[in-house]
Amino acid sequence: MNNSKNNSHLFSILLVFVLMFIFTSCTKEIEIDTRGFKKQLVVNSLFHPKMPFSFDISLTQTPIDTFTIITDSIYIALYEENRKVFETKTLQNNIKTFIYPQIGSSYLLKVYVEGFDTVYACDTIPYKTDIVDATYIGPISVDKYGSQSAKYNFSISDPAETKNFYEFEWGYYENVKAIDPVFINEGDVSYQPTTHYFSDELFNGKNYNFSIVSGLSQNVGWQPTIVLKSVSRNYYLYRKYLTRHLATQPSLDLEVGALIFKSEPQPMFSNIKNGVGIFAGYCETDPVYFRKINSN
């Protein structure tokens, strides 16, 4: 057994050296033409009612840039329902406020730095949708390593008046299998999202029960939890495109498949006018505990 493990370890080391030799011996200096590149302001802010607004401001960069920090003063103005609620001029690239966003209110952000066009962005925190019930059955299976799985179900009552978007976060995220048609309908399961985001396209205005298969902890006293976020359309698209973007990035993984078979990078979503980034709102439920039910 030990000889087998040692041989496998030696093979992995040998493979790494072979790959390093191949890639270093085949290198070629590439000139990057940046003449058509125009620097833009990057504005990032995800906001929710439990935390005051904060903003990260930076600049876009090329692969040969060494910094993205803005050295000029930054002017920021924030409007709630067309009423100015915050204004500052600062040299800080990370700005924190004492303004707590409100559910249902619309917000407009303006950012100006000399030499750039004024940046605009707007969004609204949608009203919260609660989890009606959350249960699980398990274990339903055990793999060859002894890890157990359970089937988790949770239901929500979707408002019919508007198009709604959601995201849920798992309290125990291990080997999640998104078996529910709503998640599969998003078309992103192959990108292995770390959270699940979805629209109400398949259940608008109805009660809907979701099903997921995931790991089952064997720790004494453990209870699985779930948090449901009601998110704006901008937030939904941001999460969707970010997942695809990250899944297609070059990997430091030493497996040959990871090095060769990465697909083309995917573009990022932005709702920032005259710049790039994201300004989007959401609200969330408190953690909800799953009730264990009998499989009989």
C-alpha atoms as a PDB file:
ATOM      1  CA  MET A   1       0.000   0.000   0.000  1.00  0.00           C
ATOM      2  CA  ASN A   2       2.794   2.424   0.962  1.00  0.00           C
ATOM      3  CA  ASN A   3       4.735   1.602  -2.230  1.00  0.00           C
ATOM      4  CA  SER A   4       1.629   2.401  -4.272  1.00  0.00           C
ATOM      5  CA  LYS A   5       1.202   5.775  -2.548  1.00  0.00           C
ATOM      6  CA  ASN A   6       4.893   6.599  -2.968  1.00  0.00           C
ATOM      7  CA  ASN A   7       4.790   5.718  -6.664  1.00  0.00           C
ATOM      8  CA  SER A   8       1.716   7.901  -7.127  1.00  0.00           C
ATOM      9  CA  HIS A   9       3.420  10.800  -5.329  1.00  0.00           C
ATOM     10  CA  LEU A  10       6.585  10.414  -7.421  1.00  0.00           C
ATOM     11  CA  PHE A  11       4.513  10.328 -10.595  1.00  0.00           C
ATOM     12  CA  SER A  12       2.756  13.574  -9.613  1.00  0.00           C
ATOM     13  CA  ILE A  13       6.091  15.289  -8.968  1.00  0.00           C
ATOM     14  CA  LEU A  14       7.481  14.017 -12.270  1.00  0.00           C
ATOM     15  CA  LEU A  15       4.389  15.253 -14.113  1.00  0.00           C
ATOM     16  CA  VAL A  16       4.818  18.734 -12.614  1.00  0.00           C
ATOM     17  CA  PHE A  17       8.445  18.935 -13.773  1.00  0.00           C
ATOM     18  CA  VAL A  18       7.519  17.703 -17.254  1.00  0.00           C
ATOM     19  CA  LEU A  19       4.796  20.362 -17.562  1.00  0.00           C
ATOM     20  CA  MET A  20       7.145  23.067 -16.273  1.00  0.00           C
ATOM     21  CA  PHE A  21       9.745  22.036 -18.850  1.00  0.00           C
ATOM     22  CA  ILE A  22       7.213  22.048 -21.682  1.00  0.00           C
ATOM     23  CA  PHE A  23       5.773  25.460 -20.860  1.00  0.00           C
ATOM     24  CA  THR A  24       9.100  27.159 -20.093  1.00  0.00           C
ATOM     25  CA  SER A  25      10.810  25.760 -23.200  1.00  0.00           C
ATOM     26  CA  CYS A  26       7.947  26.923 -25.417  1.00  0.00           C
ATOM     27  CA  THR A  27       7.649  30.468 -24.130  1.00  0.00           C
ATOM     28  CA  LYS A  28       7.495  33.360 -26.533  1.00  0.00           C
ATOM     29  CA  GLU A  29       7.580  37.047 -25.748  1.00  0.00           C
ATOM     30  CA  ILE A  30       4.299  38.679 -26.741  1.00  0.00           C
ATOM     31  CA  GLU A  31       3.904  42.391 -27.297  1.00  0.00           C
ATOM     32  CA  ILE A  32       0.668  43.825 -25.899  1.00  0.00           C
ATOM     33  CA  ASP A  33      -0.814  46.715 -27.861  1.00  0.00           C
ATOM     34  CA  THR A  34      -2.601  48.987 -25.384  1.00  0.00           C
ATOM     35  CA  ARG A  35      -3.098  51.953 -27.706  1.00  0.00           C
ATOM     36  CA  GLY A  36      -6.865  51.377 -27.909  1.00  0.00           C
ATOM     37  CA  PHE A  37      -7.270  50.862 -24.176  1.00  0.00           C
ATOM     38  CA  LYS A  38      -9.112  53.597 -22.265  1.00  0.00           C
ATOM     39  CA  LYS A  39      -8.972  53.635 -18.491  1.00  0.00           C
ATOM     40  CA  GLN A  40     -12.354  53.651 -16.783  1.00  0.00           C
ATOM     41  CA  LEU A  41     -13.591  54.073 -13.248  1.00  0.00           C
ATOM     42  CA  VAL A  42     -14.519  50.851 -11.450  1.00  0.00           C
ATOM     43  CA  VAL A  43     -17.269  51.201  -8.834  1.00  0.00           C
ATOM     44  CA  ASN A  44     -18.357  48.288  -6.639  1.00  0.00           C
ATOM     45  CA  SER A  45     -21.089  48.306  -3.991  1.00  0.00           C
ATOM     46  CA  LEU A  46     -23.417  45.509  -2.903  1.00  0.00           C
ATOM     47  CA  PHE A  47     -25.819  46.871  -0.324  1.00  0.00           C
ATOM     48  CA  HIS A  48     -28.459  45.519   2.065  1.00  0.00           C
ATOM     49  CA  PRO A  49     -30.476  46.912   5.012  1.00  0.00           C
ATOM     50  CA  LYS A  50     -28.284  45.439   7.762  1.00  0.00           C
ATOM     51  CA  MET A  51     -25.123  47.313   6.748  1.00  0.00           C
ATOM     52  CA  PRO A  52     -24.448  50.959   5.826  1.00  0.00           C
ATOM     53  CA  PHE A  53     -23.449  51.800   2.265  1.00  0.00           C
ATOM     54  CA  SER A  54     -19.786  51.392   1.317  1.00  0.00           C
ATOM     55  CA  PHE A  55     -18.069  51.930  -2.028  1.00  0.00           C
ATOM     56  CA  ASP A  56     -14.857  50.606  -3.569  1.00  0.00           C
ATOM     57  CA  ILE A  57     -13.474  52.863  -6.305  1.00  0.00           C
ATOM     58  CA  SER A  58     -10.573  51.892  -8.572  1.00  0.00           C
ATOM     59  CA  LEU A  59      -9.449  51.920 -12.215  1.00  0.00           C
ATOM     60  CA  THR A  60      -9.466  49.346 -14.979  1.00  0.00           C
ATOM     61  CA  GLN A  61      -6.028  48.052 -15.919  1.00  0.00           C
ATOM     62  CA  THR A  62      -4.159  46.197 -18.613  1.00  0.00           C
ATOM     63  CA  PRO A  63      -2.000  43.120 -17.854  1.00  0.00           C
ATOM     64  CA  ILE A  64       1.090  45.363 -17.745  1.00  0.00           C
ATOM     65  CA  ASP A  65      -0.316  47.968 -15.327  1.00  0.00           C
ATOM     66  CA  THR A  66       1.233  47.998 -11.863  1.00  0.00           C
ATOM     67  CA  PHE A  67      -1.519  49.789  -9.915  1.00  0.00           C
ATOM     68  CA  THR A  68      -5.226  50.662 -10.046  1.00  0.00           C
ATOM     69  CA  ILE A  69      -5.391  53.119  -7.146  1.00  0.00           C
ATOM     70  CA  ILE A  70      -6.825  56.565  -7.875  1.00  0.00           C
ATOM     71  CA  THR A  71      -4.522  59.361  -6.736  1.00  0.00           C
ATOM     72  CA  ASP A  72      -6.913  62.265  -7.424  1.00  0.00           C
ATOM     73  CA  SER A  73      -9.803  63.224  -5.157  1.00  0.00           C
ATOM     74  CA  ILE A  74     -13.047  61.296  -5.589  1.00  0.00           C
ATOM     75  CA  TYR A  75     -16.425  63.012  -5.429  1.00  0.00           C
ATOM     76  CA  ILE A  76     -19.372  60.809  -4.422  1.00  0.00           C
ATOM     77  CA  ALA A  77     -23.051  61.667  -4.087  1.00  0.00           C
ATOM     78  CA  LEU A  78     -25.798  59.241  -3.079  1.00  0.00           C
ATOM     79  CA  TYR A  79     -29.513  59.922  -3.613  1.00  0.00           C
ATOM     80  CA  GLU A  80     -32.471  58.129  -2.024  1.00  0.00           C
ATOM     81  CA  GLU A  81     -35.740  58.647  -3.915  1.00  0.00           C
ATOM     82  CA  ASN A  82     -34.120  61.679  -5.676  1.00  0.00           C
ATOM     83  CA  ARG A  83     -33.090  63.210  -2.316  1.00  0.00           C
ATOM     84  CA  LYS A  84     -29.367  63.602  -1.631  1.00  0.00           C
ATOM     85  CA  VAL A  85     -28.497  61.679   1.539  1.00  0.00           C
ATOM     86  CA  PHE A  86     -24.700  61.516   1.304  1.00  0.00           C
ATOM     87  CA  GLU A  87     -21.950  63.597  -0.295  1.00  0.00           C
ATOM     88  CA  THR A  88     -18.186  63.630   0.121  1.00  0.00           C
ATOM     89  CA  LYS A  89     -14.912  64.441  -1.603  1.00  0.00           C
ATOM     90  CA  THR A  90     -12.083  62.191  -0.528  1.00  0.00           C
ATOM     91  CA  LEU A  91      -8.720  60.660  -1.413  1.00  0.00           C
ATOM     92  CA  GLN A  92      -9.807  57.292  -0.024  1.00  0.00           C
ATOM     93  CA  ASN A  93     -10.568  54.499  -2.486  1.00  0.00           C
ATOM     94  CA  ASN A  94     -12.754  52.674   0.011  1.00  0.00           C
ATOM     95  CA  ILE A  95     -15.565  54.880   1.301  1.00  0.00           C
ATOM     96  CA  LYS A  96     -17.781  53.871   4.212  1.00  0.00           C
ATOM     97  CA  THR A  97     -20.922  55.764   5.190  1.00  0.00           C
ATOM     98  CA  PHE A  98     -23.437  55.807   8.027  1.00  0.00           C
ATOM     99  CA  ILE A  99     -26.384  55.552   5.617  1.00  0.00           C
ATOM    100  CA  TYR A 100     -28.402  52.338   5.906  1.00  0.00           C
ATOM    101  CA  PRO A 101     -30.316  51.427   2.739  1.00  0.00           C
ATOM    102  CA  GLN A 102     -34.055  50.849   3.017  1.00  0.00           C
ATOM    103  CA  ILE A 103     -36.064  48.057   1.402  1.00  0.00           C
ATOM    104  CA  GLY A 104     -38.137  49.330  -1.528  1.00  0.00           C
ATOM    105  CA  SER A 105     -36.285  52.661  -1.866  1.00  0.00           C
ATOM    106  CA  SER A 106     -34.497  53.540  -5.103  1.00  0.00           C
ATOM    107  CA  TYR A 107     -30.884  54.721  -4.918  1.00  0.00           C
ATOM    108  CA  LEU A 108     -28.808  56.712  -7.379  1.00  0.00           C
ATOM    109  CA  LEU A 109     -25.021  56.907  -7.103  1.00  0.00           C
ATOM    110  CA  LYS A 110     -22.808  59.506  -8.793  1.00  0.00           C
ATOM    111  CA  VAL A 111     -19.009  59.335  -8.809  1.00  0.00           C
ATOM    112  CA  TYR A 112     -16.680  61.893 -10.365  1.00  0.00           C
ATOM    113  CA  VAL A 113     -12.886  61.917 -10.709  1.00  0.00           C
ATOM    114  CA  GLU A 114     -11.121  64.587 -12.748  1.00  0.00           C
ATOM    115  CA  GLY A 115     -10.243  63.328 -16.204  1.00  0.00           C
ATOM    116  CA  PHE A 116     -13.128  60.839 -16.333  1.00  0.00           C
ATOM    117  CA  ASP A 117     -16.792  61.042 -17.253  1.00  0.00           C
ATOM    118  CA  THR A 118     -19.201  61.146 -14.312  1.00  0.00           C
ATOM    119  CA  VAL A 119     -20.244  57.622 -13.350  1.00  0.00           C
ATOM    120  CA  TYR A 120     -23.904  56.809 -12.645  1.00  0.00           C
ATOM    121  CA  ALA A 121     -25.620  53.751 -11.221  1.00  0.00           C
ATOM    122  CA  CYS A 122     -29.016  53.036  -9.695  1.00  0.00           C
ATOM    123  CA  ASP A 123     -30.775  50.126  -8.031  1.00  0.00           C
ATOM    124  CA  THR A 124     -33.456  49.179  -5.486  1.00  0.00           C
ATOM    125  CA  ILE A 125     -33.555  46.612  -2.697  1.00  0.00           C
ATOM    126  CA  PRO A 126     -36.523  44.325  -3.408  1.00  0.00           C
ATOM    127  CA  TYR A 127     -39.018  43.338  -0.720  1.00  0.00           C
ATOM    128  CA  LYS A 128     -38.119  40.214   1.214  1.00  0.00           C
ATOM    129  CA  THR A 129     -39.644  36.822   0.492  1.00  0.00           C
ATOM    130  CA  ASP A 130     -39.602  34.453   3.455  1.00  0.00           C
ATOM    131  CA  ILE A 131     -39.028  30.717   3.592  1.00  0.00           C
ATOM    132  CA  VAL A 132     -42.321  29.004   4.394  1.00  0.00           C
ATOM    133  CA  ASP A 133     -40.899  25.651   5.481  1.00  0.00           C
ATOM    134  CA  ALA A 134     -37.577  23.751   5.445  1.00  0.00           C
ATOM    135  CA  THR A 135     -37.181  20.000   6.031  1.00  0.00           C
ATOM    136  CA  TYR A 136     -34.682  17.248   5.288  1.00  0.00           C
ATOM    137  CA  ILE A 137     -34.600  13.469   5.045  1.00  0.00           C
ATOM    138  CA  GLY A 138     -31.409  11.598   5.673  1.00  0.00           C
ATOM    139  CA  PRO A 139     -29.253   9.828   5.273  1.00  0.00           C
ATOM    140  CA  ILE A 140     -30.461   8.771   1.835  1.00  0.00           C
ATOM    141  CA  SER A 141     -27.086   7.472   0.654  1.00  0.00           C
ATOM    142  CA  VAL A 142     -23.495   6.777   1.773  1.00  0.00           C
ATOM    143  CA  ASP A 143     -20.522   6.956  -0.592  1.00  0.00           C
ATOM    144  CA  LYS A 144     -17.457   4.724  -0.568  1.00  0.00           C
ATOM    145  CA  TYR A 145     -15.697   7.089   1.833  1.00  0.00           C
ATOM    146  CA  GLY A 146     -18.509   6.896   4.386  1.00  0.00           C
ATOM    147  CA  SER A 147     -19.862  10.407   3.698  1.00  0.00           C
ATOM    148  CA  GLN A 148     -23.624  10.619   4.048  1.00  0.00           C
ATOM    149  CA  SER A 149     -26.068  12.600   1.904  1.00  0.00           C
ATOM    150  CA  ALA A 150     -29.543  13.920   2.621  1.00  0.00           C
ATOM    151  CA  LYS A 151     -32.408  15.380   0.619  1.00  0.00           C
ATOM    152  CA  TYR A 152     -33.289  18.947   1.613  1.00  0.00           C
ATOM    153  CA  ASN A 153     -36.567  20.677   0.798  1.00  0.00           C
ATOM    154  CA  PHE A 154     -37.566  24.293   1.343  1.00  0.00           C
ATOM    155  CA  SER A 155     -40.569  26.234   0.088  1.00  0.00           C
ATOM    156  CA  ILE A 156     -41.289  29.902  -0.618  1.00  0.00           C
ATOM    157  CA  SER A 157     -44.386  31.862  -1.595  1.00  0.00           C
ATOM    158  CA  ASP A 158     -43.440  34.011  -4.581  1.00  0.00           C
ATOM    159  CA  PRO A 159     -45.191  37.403  -5.010  1.00  0.00           C
ATOM    160  CA  ALA A 160     -47.024  37.642  -8.324  1.00  0.00           C
ATOM    161  CA  GLU A 161     -46.871  41.422  -8.798  1.00  0.00           C
ATOM    162  CA  THR A 162     -43.269  41.612 -10.001  1.00  0.00           C
ATOM    163  CA  LYS A 163     -40.505  39.602 -11.584  1.00  0.00           C
ATOM    164  CA  ASN A 164     -38.472  38.273  -8.661  1.00  0.00           C
ATOM    165  CA  PHE A 165     -34.900  37.073  -8.303  1.00  0.00           C
ATOM    166  CA  TYR A 166     -33.351  35.052  -5.515  1.00  0.00           C
ATOM    167  CA  GLU A 167     -30.181  33.506  -4.170  1.00  0.00           C
ATOM    168  CA  PHE A 168     -29.781  31.047  -1.342  1.00  0.00           C
ATOM    169  CA  GLU A 169     -26.766  30.294   0.804  1.00  0.00           C
ATOM    170  CA  TRP A 170     -26.249  26.897   2.314  1.00  0.00           C
ATOM    171  CA  GLY A 171     -25.221  26.537   5.950  1.00  0.00           C
ATOM    172  CA  TYR A 172     -23.482  23.241   5.211  1.00  0.00           C
ATOM    173  CA  TYR A 173     -22.144  23.358   1.679  1.00  0.00           C
ATOM    174  CA  GLU A 174     -20.713  20.003   0.698  1.00  0.00           C
ATOM    175  CA  ASN A 175     -21.315  17.980  -2.464  1.00  0.00           C
ATOM    176  CA  VAL A 176     -24.429  19.957  -3.349  1.00  0.00           C
ATOM    177  CA  LYS A 177     -26.429  18.540  -6.233  1.00  0.00           C
ATOM    178  CA  ALA A 178     -28.916  20.994  -7.705  1.00  0.00           C
ATOM    179  CA  ILE A 179     -31.545  18.490  -8.782  1.00  0.00           C
ATOM    180  CA  ASP A 180     -34.388  21.010  -8.840  1.00  0.00           C
ATOM    181  CA  PRO A 181     -35.731  22.097 -12.283  1.00  0.00           C
ATOM    182  CA  VAL A 182     -35.489  25.776 -11.277  1.00  0.00           C
ATOM    183  CA  PHE A 183     -31.712  25.566 -10.771  1.00  0.00           C
ATOM    184  CA  ILE A 184     -31.219  23.457 -13.881  1.00  0.00           C
ATOM    185  CA  ASN A 185     -33.272  26.009 -15.852  1.00  0.00           C
ATOM    186  CA  GLU A 186     -30.634  28.676 -15.067  1.00  0.00           C
ATOM    187  CA  GLY A 187     -28.150  26.798 -17.259  1.00  0.00           C
ATOM    188  CA  ASP A 188     -25.254  27.303 -14.844  1.00  0.00           C
ATOM    189  CA  VAL A 189     -24.971  23.962 -13.029  1.00  0.00           C
ATOM    190  CA  SER A 190     -21.913  23.019 -15.107  1.00  0.00           C
ATOM    191  CA  TYR A 191     -20.113  26.137 -13.827  1.00  0.00           C
ATOM    192  CA  GLN A 192     -20.376  24.764 -10.262  1.00  0.00           C
ATOM    193  CA  PRO A 193     -21.737  27.916  -8.592  1.00  0.00           C
ATOM    194  CA  THR A 194     -20.844  28.408  -4.927  1.00  0.00           C
ATOM    195  CA  THR A 195     -24.331  29.787  -4.293  1.00  0.00           C
ATOM    196  CA  HIS A 196     -27.557  29.186  -6.194  1.00  0.00           C
ATOM    197  CA  TYR A 197     -29.288  32.150  -7.813  1.00  0.00           C
ATOM    198  CA  PHE A 198     -32.509  31.918  -9.779  1.00  0.00           C
ATOM    199  CA  SER A 199     -35.533  33.799 -11.091  1.00  0.00           C
ATOM    200  CA  ASP A 200     -39.209  32.985 -10.601  1.00  0.00           C
ATOM    201  CA  GLU A 201     -39.617  32.215 -14.307  1.00  0.00           C
ATOM    202  CA  LEU A 202     -40.999  28.721 -13.610  1.00  0.00           C
ATOM    203  CA  PHE A 203     -43.158  29.543 -10.576  1.00  0.00           C
ATOM    204  CA  ASN A 204     -44.167  33.213 -10.738  1.00  0.00           C
ATOM    205  CA  GLY A 205     -46.829  34.011  -8.121  1.00  0.00           C
ATOM    206  CA  LYS A 206     -46.978  30.475  -6.736  1.00  0.00           C
ATOM    207  CA  ASN A 207     -45.825  28.489  -3.736  1.00  0.00           C
ATOM    208  CA  TYR A 208     -42.831  26.448  -4.798  1.00  0.00           C
ATOM    209  CA  ASN A 209     -40.932  23.647  -3.056  1.00  0.00           C
ATOM    210  CA  PHE A 210     -37.226  23.240  -3.868  1.00  0.00           C
ATOM    211  CA  SER A 211     -35.264  20.003  -3.576  1.00  0.00           C
ATOM    212  CA  ILE A 212     -31.504  19.613  -3.160  1.00  0.00           C
ATOM    213  CA  VAL A 213     -29.214  16.713  -2.345  1.00  0.00           C
ATOM    214  CA  SER A 214     -26.224  17.641  -0.174  1.00  0.00           C
ATOM    215  CA  GLY A 215     -23.891  16.344   2.485  1.00  0.00           C
ATOM    216  CA  LEU A 216     -25.108  15.317   5.930  1.00  0.00           C
ATOM    217  CA  SER A 217     -22.903  16.139   8.891  1.00  0.00           C
ATOM    218  CA  GLN A 218     -22.524  13.455  11.541  1.00  0.00           C
ATOM    219  CA  ASN A 219     -21.567  15.915  14.274  1.00  0.00           C
ATOM    220  CA  VAL A 220     -23.732  15.648  17.394  1.00  0.00           C
ATOM    221  CA  GLY A 221     -26.239  18.502  17.703  1.00  0.00           C
ATOM    222  CA  TRP A 222     -25.691  19.735  14.159  1.00  0.00           C
ATOM    223  CA  GLN A 223     -28.637  21.389  12.394  1.00  0.00           C
ATOM    224  CA  PRO A 224     -28.531  22.462   8.732  1.00  0.00           C
ATOM    225  CA  THR A 225     -29.565  26.039   7.913  1.00  0.00           C
ATOM    226  CA  ILE A 226     -30.446  28.082   4.857  1.00  0.00           C
ATOM    227  CA  VAL A 227     -30.575  31.836   4.113  1.00  0.00           C
ATOM    228  CA  LEU A 228     -32.752  33.122   1.271  1.00  0.00           C
ATOM    229  CA  LYS A 229     -31.845  36.399  -0.399  1.00  0.00           C
ATOM    230  CA  SER A 230     -34.320  38.488  -2.362  1.00  0.00           C
ATOM    231  CA  VAL A 231     -32.068  40.218  -4.885  1.00  0.00           C
ATOM    232  CA  SER A 232     -32.428  42.876  -7.569  1.00  0.00           C
ATOM    233  CA  ARG A 233     -32.133  41.987 -11.239  1.00  0.00           C
ATOM    234  CA  ASN A 234     -28.725  43.720 -11.302  1.00  0.00           C
ATOM    235  CA  TYR A 235     -27.501  41.564  -8.400  1.00  0.00           C
ATOM    236  CA  TYR A 236     -28.843  38.420 -10.090  1.00  0.00           C
ATOM    237  CA  LEU A 237     -27.038  39.159 -13.352  1.00  0.00           C
ATOM    238  CA  TYR A 238     -23.866  40.085 -11.471  1.00  0.00           C
ATOM    239  CA  ARG A 239     -23.817  36.734  -9.657  1.00  0.00           C
ATOM    240  CA  LYS A 240     -24.687  34.829 -12.820  1.00  0.00           C
ATOM    241  CA  TYR A 241     -21.936  36.362 -14.946  1.00  0.00           C
ATOM    242  CA  LEU A 242     -19.388  36.314 -12.113  1.00  0.00           C
ATOM    243  CA  THR A 243     -19.903  32.566 -11.705  1.00  0.00           C
ATOM    244  CA  ARG A 244     -19.336  31.974 -15.407  1.00  0.00           C
ATOM    245  CA  HIS A 245     -16.371  34.353 -15.482  1.00  0.00           C
ATOM    246  CA  LEU A 246     -14.580  32.682 -12.563  1.00  0.00           C
ATOM    247  CA  ALA A 247     -15.284  29.186 -13.876  1.00  0.00           C
ATOM    248  CA  THR A 248     -13.456  29.947 -17.125  1.00  0.00           C
ATOM    249  CA  GLN A 249     -10.361  31.597 -15.612  1.00  0.00           C
ATOM    250  CA  PRO A 250      -6.919  29.953 -15.883  1.00  0.00           C
ATOM    251  CA  SER A 251      -6.333  27.540 -13.026  1.00  0.00           C
ATOM    252  CA  LEU A 252      -3.278  26.895 -10.867  1.00  0.00           C
ATOM    253  CA  ASP A 253      -4.482  23.315 -10.567  1.00  0.00           C
ATOM    254  CA  LEU A 254      -1.718  20.909 -11.550  1.00  0.00           C
ATOM    255  CA  GLU A 255      -4.103  18.484 -13.207  1.00  0.00           C
ATOM    256  CA  VAL A 256      -3.505  18.333 -16.956  1.00  0.00           C
ATOM    257  CA  GLY A 257      -7.227  18.654 -17.701  1.00  0.00           C
ATOM    258  CA  ALA A 258      -7.497  21.897 -15.764  1.00  0.00           C
ATOM    259  CA  LEU A 259      -4.578  23.393 -17.693  1.00  0.00           C
ATOM    260  CA  ILE A 260      -5.694  22.416 -21.178  1.00  0.00           C
ATOM    261  CA  PHE A 261      -9.468  22.317 -21.260  1.00  0.00           C
ATOM    262  CA  LYS A 262     -10.466  25.695 -19.789  1.00  0.00           C
ATOM    263  CA  SER A 263     -13.028  27.435 -22.029  1.00  0.00           C
ATOM    264  CA  GLU A 264     -12.952  31.019 -23.262  1.00  0.00           C
ATOM    265  CA  PRO A 265     -13.291  33.677 -20.513  1.00  0.00           C
ATOM    266  CA  GLN A 266     -16.807  35.028 -20.078  1.00  0.00           C
ATOM    267  CA  PRO A 267     -17.574  38.777 -19.851  1.00  0.00           C
ATOM    268  CA  MET A 268     -18.701  40.389 -16.600  1.00  0.00           C
ATOM    269  CA  PHE A 269     -22.044  42.132 -16.113  1.00  0.00           C
ATOM    270  CA  SER A 270     -21.994  45.813 -15.139  1.00  0.00           C
ATOM    271  CA  ASN A 271     -24.749  48.354 -14.471  1.00  0.00           C
ATOM    272  CA  ILE A 272     -22.312  51.262 -14.096  1.00  0.00           C
ATOM    273  CA  LYS A 273     -22.845  53.983 -16.714  1.00  0.00           C
ATOM    274  CA  ASN A 274     -19.599  55.512 -18.101  1.00  0.00           C
ATOM    275  CA  GLY A 275     -17.598  52.954 -16.106  1.00  0.00           C
ATOM    276  CA  VAL A 276     -17.636  49.339 -14.971  1.00  0.00           C
ATOM    277  CA  GLY A 277     -18.529  47.481 -11.794  1.00  0.00           C
ATOM    278  CA  ILE A 278     -21.703  46.753  -9.879  1.00  0.00           C
ATOM    279  CA  PHE A 279     -24.162  48.727  -7.732  1.00  0.00           C
ATOM    280  CA  ALA A 280     -26.858  46.333  -6.567  1.00  0.00           C
ATOM    281  CA  GLY A 281     -29.131  45.699  -3.599  1.00  0.00           C
ATOM    282  CA  TYR A 282     -30.567  42.710  -1.778  1.00  0.00           C
ATOM    283  CA  CYS A 283     -32.136  41.685   1.505  1.00  0.00           C
ATOM    284  CA  GLU A 284     -32.085  38.335   3.249  1.00  0.00           C
ATOM    285  CA  THR A 285     -33.877  36.177   5.767  1.00  0.00           C
ATOM    286  CA  ASP A 286     -32.392  35.185   9.081  1.00  0.00           C
ATOM    287  CA  PRO A 287     -30.929  31.662   8.978  1.00  0.00           C
ATOM    288  CA  VAL A 288     -33.729  29.083   8.874  1.00  0.00           C
ATOM    289  CA  TYR A 289     -33.159  25.638  10.442  1.00  0.00           C
ATOM    290  CA  PHE A 290     -34.208  22.531   8.570  1.00  0.00           C
ATOM    291  CA  ARG A 291     -36.469  20.119  10.430  1.00  0.00           C
ATOM    292  CA  LYS A 292     -35.577  16.466  10.137  1.00  0.00           C
ATOM    293  CA  ILE A 293     -38.509  14.306   9.057  1.00  0.00           C
ATOM    294  CA  ASN A 294     -38.958  10.570   8.850  1.00  0.00           C
ATOM    295  CA  SER A 295     -38.276   8.919   5.516  1.00  0.00           C
ATOM    296  CA  ASN A 296     -41.138   6.482   6.110  1.00  0.00           C
END
